[in-house]
Amino acid sequence: MSQGIQYVRDLLHRMTIKTDEQGREVRNSQDQVSWKALREAERLDDPAMIDAAAQVLEEARDDETRVNVCFLWSHLAKNTEDSRAVRLMLDEFAKTTRMQTKSRLMWSFARVPEVPDAEPFLTLSESRDGSIRREALRVLARCRPEEVKGRLLEIIRRSNDEYDIIYTLWALKELRLGEALPDVLALIESPNAEIRSLAIRFAADFGDGAHVPLFVTALENDRSPDVKWSAMEALDQWGGASETETVLSRVKTIVSRQRKGGGQLPMSELMHGISFLWKVAPNREEVNKLLQALRTSKADKLFEHEAKWLAELTKVGNTE
């Protein structure tokens, strides 16, 4: 244990050093001793380090040490599946009085596999401070669904805060609370594009083919690129032959102009569209002509990862 305690002391110290190993200022954060120590902490997988960290915290109970020890515990909880780490985190959270420190601690709670006590975070999800509410919502996504479902549905139904709704939609998705689908679909007309996009993704995850008309409408009429991407992904999952014209038209539009950036990873909207066409209409002449052009004359319309993916997709299809 003494060796483990000394290791944790040293690791915690290194997590506070913002220079390189020679004490020099650096421009790139990845060259800092602290950045390297944080990455080292993320890999901890020895359960003995849980008790060693607790012992070190007994020696120095300042807020910075508390935050850094909880960071260690959060990764130990994830890597070892030992619930003691989360219990210790909850104890420290209860002892903390400064709201700024509680906010920093909640970042660590949002990483653990499961938080066994939702009560303190349910309370903070009603804070007047928006940043505190949203940190609490991130933690609720790690709590037991039956303990937090009521609060999350209340936010979806009554809140006018777009950011609270966005964080809640992510929490509902992570908790796989598909029963919230009717309430989520009520948000499909939201003026906020991210909310509309998340609602479509939720319907794709927890709905069925009955929602295809919704996906088609979003792909054809919504002006948000993010919403269109979500709709195309949903059609790639649930669409059928009846949606071929809609998808084909959208794919043609995408490759008709110069594209910027590097494309979404791992699957762009274009890739989902091609995937759909390859599955649903592989023998259609217009589809084959388009795919051939994307491999040759229009290859410059694809980003590198898209071109490699298309080559693999068509190669597999041609060998079957």
Foldseek 3Di string as FASTA:
>chain_A
DVVLLVVVVVLLVQLPFQPAPVNHHDDDSCRGSNVVSLVVLLPDADPVNLVSLVVNCVVPVDLSSLLVSLLSLLSNCARHVDCVSLVVLVVNLVVDDDVVSNLSSLVSLLRHQARADLVVLLVQLPDPDPSSVLSSLSNLLRYQCVVCVVVLLCCLQDPPDPSNVLSSLVSCVSNVVLVCLVSLVVCCPPPDLSSVLSNLLSCLVNNALVCLVVLLCQLVDPPDLSNVLSSLLSCLRHNAPVCLVSLVVSLCVLLVDADDDQADPPAHSNNSSLSSCCVHPVPDPVNVVVLVCCQPVSVNSHHPNSNVVSVVVVVVVVVD
